Amino acid sequence: MKKSTFAAILVFFAAIAGALTAAYMYLRRREAELDEYEQLLFSDDFSHEEPAAEETAAADEADDAEDDIAF
């Protein structure tokens, strides 16, 4: 085998190793970004749950007071 062929094969394997390393690093970073986004999406800070019963009762009383005034 010629030295130039051997060198070409080594360069080829180095390119494959570099491409695989770059793909791994990209996927690892992307997964971290998706995990962070998922935490923000499902965190309690941005919860859109039903209002508490006390708030609902207060709102109902305010609506009843408006109805009494209208008649």
PDB file of N, CA and C in Angstrom:
ATOM      1  N   MET A   1       0.860  -1.169   0.000  1.00  0.00           N
ATOM      2  CA  MET A   1       0.000   0.000   0.000  1.00  0.00           C
ATOM      3  C   MET A   1       0.909   1.235   0.000  1.00  0.00           C
ATOM      4  N   LYS A   2       0.541   2.172  -0.817  1.00  0.00           N
ATOM      5  CA  LYS A   2       1.316   3.407  -0.899  1.00  0.00           C
ATOM      6  C   LYS A   2       1.074   4.257   0.348  1.00  0.00           C
ATOM      7  N   LYS A   3       2.038   5.109   0.629  1.00  0.00           N
ATOM      8  CA  LYS A   3       1.908   6.000   1.771  1.00  0.00           C
ATOM      9  C   LYS A   3       0.769   6.989   1.563  1.00  0.00           C
ATOM     10  N   SER A   4       0.540   7.420   0.322  1.00  0.00           N
ATOM     11  CA  SER A   4      -0.530   8.386   0.056  1.00  0.00           C
ATOM     12  C   SER A   4      -1.908   7.750   0.259  1.00  0.00           C
ATOM     13  N   THR A   5      -2.046   6.475  -0.085  1.00  0.00           N
ATOM     14  CA  THR A   5      -3.322   5.783   0.132  1.00  0.00           C
ATOM     15  C   THR A   5      -3.583   5.631   1.628  1.00  0.00           C
ATOM     16  N   PHE A   6      -2.568   5.247   2.368  1.00  0.00           N
ATOM     17  CA  PHE A   6      -2.688   5.108   3.821  1.00  0.00           C
ATOM     18  C   PHE A   6      -3.053   6.444   4.463  1.00  0.00           C
ATOM     19  N   ALA A   7      -2.424   7.511   4.020  1.00  0.00           N
ATOM     20  CA  ALA A   7      -2.726   8.843   4.549  1.00  0.00           C
ATOM     21  C   ALA A   7      -4.160   9.244   4.204  1.00  0.00           C
ATOM     22  N   ALA A   8      -4.623   8.922   3.010  1.00  0.00           N
ATOM     23  CA  ALA A   8      -5.994   9.249   2.610  1.00  0.00           C
ATOM     24  C   ALA A   8      -7.001   8.496   3.469  1.00  0.00           C
ATOM     25  N   ILE A   9      -6.702   7.233   3.768  1.00  0.00           N
ATOM     26  CA  ILE A   9      -7.593   6.443   4.629  1.00  0.00           C
ATOM     27  C   ILE A   9      -7.624   7.027   6.037  1.00  0.00           C
ATOM     28  N   LEU A  10      -6.473   7.422   6.569  1.00  0.00           N
ATOM     29  CA  LEU A  10      -6.438   8.038   7.898  1.00  0.00           C
ATOM     30  C   LEU A  10      -7.225   9.347   7.934  1.00  0.00           C
ATOM     31  N   VAL A  11      -7.083  10.148   6.903  1.00  0.00           N
ATOM     32  CA  VAL A  11      -7.835  11.415   6.831  1.00  0.00           C
ATOM     33  C   VAL A  11      -9.327  11.133   6.747  1.00  0.00           C
ATOM     34  N   PHE A  12      -9.704  10.114   5.995  1.00  0.00           N
ATOM     35  CA  PHE A  12     -11.114   9.739   5.872  1.00  0.00           C
ATOM     36  C   PHE A  12     -11.683   9.338   7.233  1.00  0.00           C
ATOM     37  N   PHE A  13     -10.953   8.499   7.979  1.00  0.00           N
ATOM     38  CA  PHE A  13     -11.417   8.086   9.304  1.00  0.00           C
ATOM     39  C   PHE A  13     -11.466   9.269  10.271  1.00  0.00           C
ATOM     40  N   ALA A  14     -10.539  10.172  10.167  1.00  0.00           N
ATOM     41  CA  ALA A  14     -10.545  11.366  11.016  1.00  0.00           C
ATOM     42  C   ALA A  14     -11.767  12.240  10.697  1.00  0.00           C
ATOM     43  N   ALA A  15     -12.109  12.331   9.418  1.00  0.00           N
ATOM     44  CA  ALA A  15     -13.293  13.115   9.025  1.00  0.00           C
ATOM     45  C   ALA A  15     -14.566  12.469   9.564  1.00  0.00           C
ATOM     46  N   ILE A  16     -14.641  11.145   9.504  1.00  0.00           N
ATOM     47  CA  ILE A  16     -15.819  10.443  10.040  1.00  0.00           C
ATOM     48  C   ILE A  16     -15.911  10.669  11.554  1.00  0.00           C
ATOM     49  N   ALA A  17     -14.788  10.550  12.242  1.00  0.00           N
ATOM     50  CA  ALA A  17     -14.788  10.763  13.697  1.00  0.00           C
ATOM     51  C   ALA A  17     -15.206  12.197  14.027  1.00  0.00           C
ATOM     52  N   GLY A  18     -14.749  13.159  13.265  1.00  0.00           N
ATOM     53  CA  GLY A  18     -15.135  14.555  13.494  1.00  0.00           C
ATOM     54  C   GLY A  18     -16.614  14.783  13.249  1.00  0.00           C
ATOM     55  N   ALA A  19     -17.140  14.177  12.187  1.00  0.00           N
ATOM     56  CA  ALA A  19     -18.564  14.333  11.885  1.00  0.00           C
ATOM     57  C   ALA A  19     -19.427  13.694  12.973  1.00  0.00           C
ATOM     58  N   LEU A  20     -19.035  12.521  13.448  1.00  0.00           N
ATOM     59  CA  LEU A  20     -19.795  11.865  14.514  1.00  0.00           C
ATOM     60  C   LEU A  20     -19.734  12.669  15.818  1.00  0.00           C
ATOM     61  N   THR A  21     -18.579  13.235  16.118  1.00  0.00           N
ATOM     62  CA  THR A  21     -18.435  14.061  17.323  1.00  0.00           C
ATOM     63  C   THR A  21     -19.294  15.317  17.228  1.00  0.00           C
ATOM     64  N   ALA A  22     -19.296  15.950  16.060  1.00  0.00           N
ATOM     65  CA  ALA A  22     -20.118  17.155  15.873  1.00  0.00           C
ATOM     66  C   ALA A  22     -21.601  16.821  15.994  1.00  0.00           C
ATOM     67  N   ALA A  23     -22.032  15.708  15.440  1.00  0.00           N
ATOM     68  CA  ALA A  23     -23.439  15.307  15.533  1.00  0.00           C
ATOM     69  C   ALA A  23     -23.821  15.016  16.981  1.00  0.00           C
ATOM     70  N   TYR A  24     -22.942  14.344  17.712  1.00  0.00           N
ATOM     71  CA  TYR A  24     -23.201  14.048  19.122  1.00  0.00           C
ATOM     72  C   TYR A  24     -23.324  15.335  19.938  1.00  0.00           C
ATOM     73  N   MET A  25     -22.409  16.258  19.734  1.00  0.00           N
ATOM     74  CA  MET A  25     -22.441  17.514  20.483  1.00  0.00           C
ATOM     75  C   MET A  25     -23.704  18.315  20.149  1.00  0.00           C
ATOM     76  N   TYR A  26     -24.094  18.344  18.888  1.00  0.00           N
ATOM     77  CA  TYR A  26     -25.302  19.064  18.483  1.00  0.00           C
ATOM     78  C   TYR A  26     -26.530  18.446  19.143  1.00  0.00           C
ATOM     79  N   LEU A  27     -26.637  17.122  19.099  1.00  0.00           N
ATOM     80  CA  LEU A  27     -27.804  16.461  19.676  1.00  0.00           C
ATOM     81  C   LEU A  27     -27.856  16.621  21.189  1.00  0.00           C
ATOM     82  N   ARG A  28     -26.713  16.607  21.837  1.00  0.00           N
ATOM     83  CA  ARG A  28     -26.674  16.803  23.286  1.00  0.00           C
ATOM     84  C   ARG A  28     -27.133  18.212  23.650  1.00  0.00           C
ATOM     85  N   ARG A  29     -26.663  19.214  22.912  1.00  0.00           N
ATOM     86  CA  ARG A  29     -27.069  20.594  23.178  1.00  0.00           C
ATOM     87  C   ARG A  29     -28.556  20.781  22.885  1.00  0.00           C
ATOM     88  N   ARG A  30     -29.030  20.206  21.801  1.00  0.00           N
ATOM     89  CA  ARG A  30     -30.442  20.327  21.427  1.00  0.00           C
ATOM     90  C   ARG A  30     -31.344  19.674  22.469  1.00  0.00           C
ATOM     91  N   GLU A  31     -30.934  18.529  22.987  1.00  0.00           N
ATOM     92  CA  GLU A  31     -31.705  17.855  24.026  1.00  0.00           C
ATOM     93  C   GLU A  31     -31.774  18.708  25.292  1.00  0.00           C
ATOM     94  N   ALA A  32     -30.680  19.365  25.638  1.00  0.00           N
ATOM     95  CA  ALA A  32     -30.673  20.246  26.809  1.00  0.00           C
ATOM     96  C   ALA A  32     -31.624  21.422  26.603  1.00  0.00           C
ATOM     97  N   GLU A  33     -31.646  21.984  25.404  1.00  0.00           N
ATOM     98  CA  GLU A  33     -32.563  23.087  25.114  1.00  0.00           C
ATOM     99  C   GLU A  33     -34.012  22.628  25.192  1.00  0.00           C
ATOM    100  N   LEU A  34     -34.299  21.445  24.684  1.00  0.00           N
ATOM    101  CA  LEU A  34     -35.664  20.927  24.745  1.00  0.00           C
ATOM    102  C   LEU A  34     -36.081  20.633  26.184  1.00  0.00           C
ATOM    103  N   ASP A  35     -35.164  20.132  27.003  1.00  0.00           N
ATOM    104  CA  ASP A  35     -35.478  19.898  28.408  1.00  0.00           C
ATOM    105  C   ASP A  35     -35.793  21.207  29.122  1.00  0.00           C
ATOM    106  N   GLU A  36     -35.010  22.240  28.827  1.00  0.00           N
ATOM    107  CA  GLU A  36     -35.247  23.550  29.439  1.00  0.00           C
ATOM    108  C   GLU A  36     -36.603  24.104  29.012  1.00  0.00           C
ATOM    109  N   TYR A  37     -36.923  23.976  27.731  1.00  0.00           N
ATOM    110  CA  TYR A  37     -38.212  24.449  27.232  1.00  0.00           C
ATOM    111  C   TYR A  37     -39.356  23.678  27.884  1.00  0.00           C
ATOM    112  N   GLU A  38     -39.183  22.364  28.040  1.00  0.00           N
ATOM    113  CA  GLU A  38     -40.224  21.545  28.658  1.00  0.00           C
ATOM    114  C   GLU A  38     -40.436  21.941  30.106  1.00  0.00           C
ATOM    115  N   GLN A  39     -39.358  22.257  30.820  1.00  0.00           N
ATOM    116  CA  GLN A  39     -39.493  22.704  32.201  1.00  0.00           C
ATOM    117  C   GLN A  39     -40.264  24.014  32.274  1.00  0.00           C
ATOM    118  N   LEU A  40     -39.985  24.934  31.365  1.00  0.00           N
ATOM    119  CA  LEU A  40     -40.720  26.201  31.351  1.00  0.00           C
ATOM    120  C   LEU A  40     -42.185  25.977  30.999  1.00  0.00           C
ATOM    121  N   LEU A  41     -42.432  25.082  30.078  1.00  0.00           N
ATOM    122  CA  LEU A  41     -43.789  24.830  29.606  1.00  0.00           C
ATOM    123  C   LEU A  41     -44.655  24.236  30.698  1.00  0.00           C
ATOM    124  N   PHE A  42     -44.094  23.325  31.483  1.00  0.00           N
ATOM    125  CA  PHE A  42     -44.883  22.624  32.491  1.00  0.00           C
ATOM    126  C   PHE A  42     -44.594  23.086  33.913  1.00  0.00           C
ATOM    127  N   SER A  43     -43.972  24.227  34.080  1.00  0.00           N
ATOM    128  CA  SER A  43     -43.678  24.714  35.425  1.00  0.00           C
ATOM    129  C   SER A  43     -44.933  25.304  36.056  1.00  0.00           C
ATOM    130  N   ASP A  44     -44.903  25.449  37.370  1.00  0.00           N
ATOM    131  CA  ASP A  44     -46.043  26.004  38.097  1.00  0.00           C
ATOM    132  C   ASP A  44     -46.175  27.501  37.892  1.00  0.00           C
ATOM    133  N   ASP A  45     -45.112  28.151  37.482  1.00  0.00           N
ATOM    134  CA  ASP A  45     -45.157  29.601  37.296  1.00  0.00           C
ATOM    135  C   ASP A  45     -46.116  29.996  36.179  1.00  0.00           C
ATOM    136  N   PHE A  46     -46.251  29.149  35.173  1.00  0.00           N
ATOM    137  CA  PHE A  46     -47.091  29.469  34.032  1.00  0.00           C
ATOM    138  C   PHE A  46     -48.330  28.587  33.990  1.00  0.00           C
ATOM    139  N   SER A  47     -48.799  28.180  35.148  1.00  0.00           N
ATOM    140  CA  SER A  47     -49.943  27.279  35.240  1.00  0.00           C
ATOM    141  C   SER A  47     -51.227  28.023  34.891  1.00  0.00           C
ATOM    142  N   HIS A  48     -52.052  27.376  34.108  1.00  0.00           N
ATOM    143  CA  HIS A  48     -53.352  27.946  33.736  1.00  0.00           C
ATOM    144  C   HIS A  48     -54.462  27.078  34.312  1.00  0.00           C
ATOM    145  N   GLU A  49     -54.375  26.800  35.598  1.00  0.00           N
ATOM    146  CA  GLU A  49     -55.363  25.959  36.252  1.00  0.00           C
ATOM    147  C   GLU A  49     -56.599  26.786  36.568  1.00  0.00           C
ATOM    148  N   GLU A  50     -57.640  26.081  36.994  1.00  0.00           N
ATOM    149  CA  GLU A  50     -58.876  26.748  37.384  1.00  0.00           C
ATOM    150  C   GLU A  50     -58.602  27.651  38.587  1.00  0.00           C
ATOM    151  N   PRO A  51     -59.280  28.794  38.671  1.00  0.00           N
ATOM    152  CA  PRO A  51     -59.075  29.670  39.836  1.00  0.00           C
ATOM    153  C   PRO A  51     -59.526  28.968  41.107  1.00  0.00           C
ATOM    154  N   ALA A  52     -58.981  29.384  42.218  1.00  0.00           N
ATOM    155  CA  ALA A  52     -59.330  28.787  43.507  1.00  0.00           C
ATOM    156  C   ALA A  52     -60.803  29.030  43.811  1.00  0.00           C
ATOM    157  N   ALA A  53     -61.384  28.187  44.652  1.00  0.00           N
ATOM    158  CA  ALA A  53     -62.807  28.272  44.988  1.00  0.00           C
ATOM    159  C   ALA A  53     -63.144  29.618  45.622  1.00  0.00           C
ATOM    160  N   GLU A  54     -62.219  30.160  46.418  1.00  0.00           N
ATOM    161  CA  GLU A  54     -62.471  31.451  47.058  1.00  0.00           C
ATOM    162  C   GLU A  54     -62.592  32.560  46.014  1.00  0.00           C
ATOM    163  N   GLU A  55     -61.730  32.527  45.016  1.00  0.00           N
ATOM    164  CA  GLU A  55     -61.792  33.544  43.974  1.00  0.00           C
ATOM    165  C   GLU A  55     -63.084  33.412  43.173  1.00  0.00           C
ATOM    166  N   THR A  56     -63.501  32.188  42.917  1.00  0.00           N
ATOM    167  CA  THR A  56     -64.732  31.957  42.172  1.00  0.00           C
ATOM    168  C   THR A  56     -65.934  32.438  42.972  1.00  0.00           C
ATOM    169  N   ALA A  57     -65.948  32.170  44.271  1.00  0.00           N
ATOM    170  CA  ALA A  57     -67.053  32.608  45.126  1.00  0.00           C
ATOM    171  C   ALA A  57     -67.120  34.129  45.163  1.00  0.00           C
ATOM    172  N   ALA A  58     -65.990  34.785  45.261  1.00  0.00           N
ATOM    173  CA  ALA A  58     -65.966  36.252  45.287  1.00  0.00           C
ATOM    174  C   ALA A  58     -66.480  36.815  43.962  1.00  0.00           C
ATOM    175  N   ALA A  59     -66.125  36.191  42.866  1.00  0.00           N
ATOM    176  CA  ALA A  59     -66.594  36.648  41.560  1.00  0.00           C
ATOM    177  C   ALA A  59     -68.098  36.449  41.425  1.00  0.00           C
ATOM    178  N   ASP A  60     -68.620  35.336  41.957  1.00  0.00           N
ATOM    179  CA  ASP A  60     -70.061  35.082  41.914  1.00  0.00           C
ATOM    180  C   ASP A  60     -70.819  36.114  42.734  1.00  0.00           C
ATOM    181  N   GLU A  61     -70.289  36.466  43.900  1.00  0.00           N
ATOM    182  CA  GLU A  61     -70.944  37.473  44.734  1.00  0.00           C
ATOM    183  C   GLU A  61     -70.965  38.830  44.038  1.00  0.00           C
ATOM    184  N   ALA A  62     -69.900  39.163  43.345  1.00  0.00           N
ATOM    185  CA  ALA A  62     -69.850  40.425  42.631  1.00  0.00           C
ATOM    186  C   ALA A  62     -70.872  40.427  41.479  1.00  0.00           C
ATOM    187  N   ASP A  63     -71.032  39.303  40.794  1.00  0.00           N
ATOM    188  CA  ASP A  63     -72.023  39.214  39.732  1.00  0.00           C
ATOM    189  C   ASP A  63     -73.431  39.332  40.290  1.00  0.00           C
ATOM    190  N   ASP A  64     -73.679  38.715  41.457  1.00  0.00           N
ATOM    191  CA  ASP A  64     -74.993  38.801  42.087  1.00  0.00           C
ATOM    192  C   ASP A  64     -75.310  40.236  42.494  1.00  0.00           C
ATOM    193  N   ALA A  65     -74.316  40.947  42.966  1.00  0.00           N
ATOM    194  CA  ALA A  65     -74.524  42.337  43.366  1.00  0.00           C
ATOM    195  C   ALA A  65     -74.861  43.185  42.147  1.00  0.00           C
ATOM    196  N   GLU A  66     -74.261  42.932  41.009  1.00  0.00           N
ATOM    197  CA  GLU A  66     -74.575  43.663  39.788  1.00  0.00           C
ATOM    198  C   GLU A  66     -76.002  43.359  39.344  1.00  0.00           C
ATOM    199  N   ASP A  67     -76.418  42.100  39.464  1.00  0.00           N
ATOM    200  CA  ASP A  67     -77.776  41.719  39.064  1.00  0.00           C
ATOM    201  C   ASP A  67     -78.807  42.411  39.943  1.00  0.00           C
ATOM    202  N   ASP A  68     -78.535  42.548  41.251  1.00  0.00           N
ATOM    203  CA  ASP A  68     -79.471  43.194  42.155  1.00  0.00           C
ATOM    204  C   ASP A  68     -79.623  44.678  41.812  1.00  0.00           C
ATOM    205  N   ILE A  69     -78.554  45.304  41.403  1.00  0.00           N
ATOM    206  CA  ILE A  69     -78.591  46.714  41.069  1.00  0.00           C
ATOM    207  C   ILE A  69     -79.344  46.932  39.771  1.00  0.00           C
ATOM    208  N   ALA A  70     -79.240  46.020  38.827  1.00  0.00           N
ATOM    209  CA  ALA A  70     -79.854  46.198  37.523  1.00  0.00           C
ATOM    210  C   ALA A  70     -81.363  46.142  37.572  1.00  0.00           C
ATOM    211  N   PHE A  71     -81.950  45.442  38.540  1.00  0.00           N
ATOM    212  CA  PHE A  71     -83.415  45.311  38.588  1.00  0.00           C
ATOM    213  C   PHE A  71     -83.992  46.415  39.326  1.00  0.00           C
TER     214      PHE A  71
END
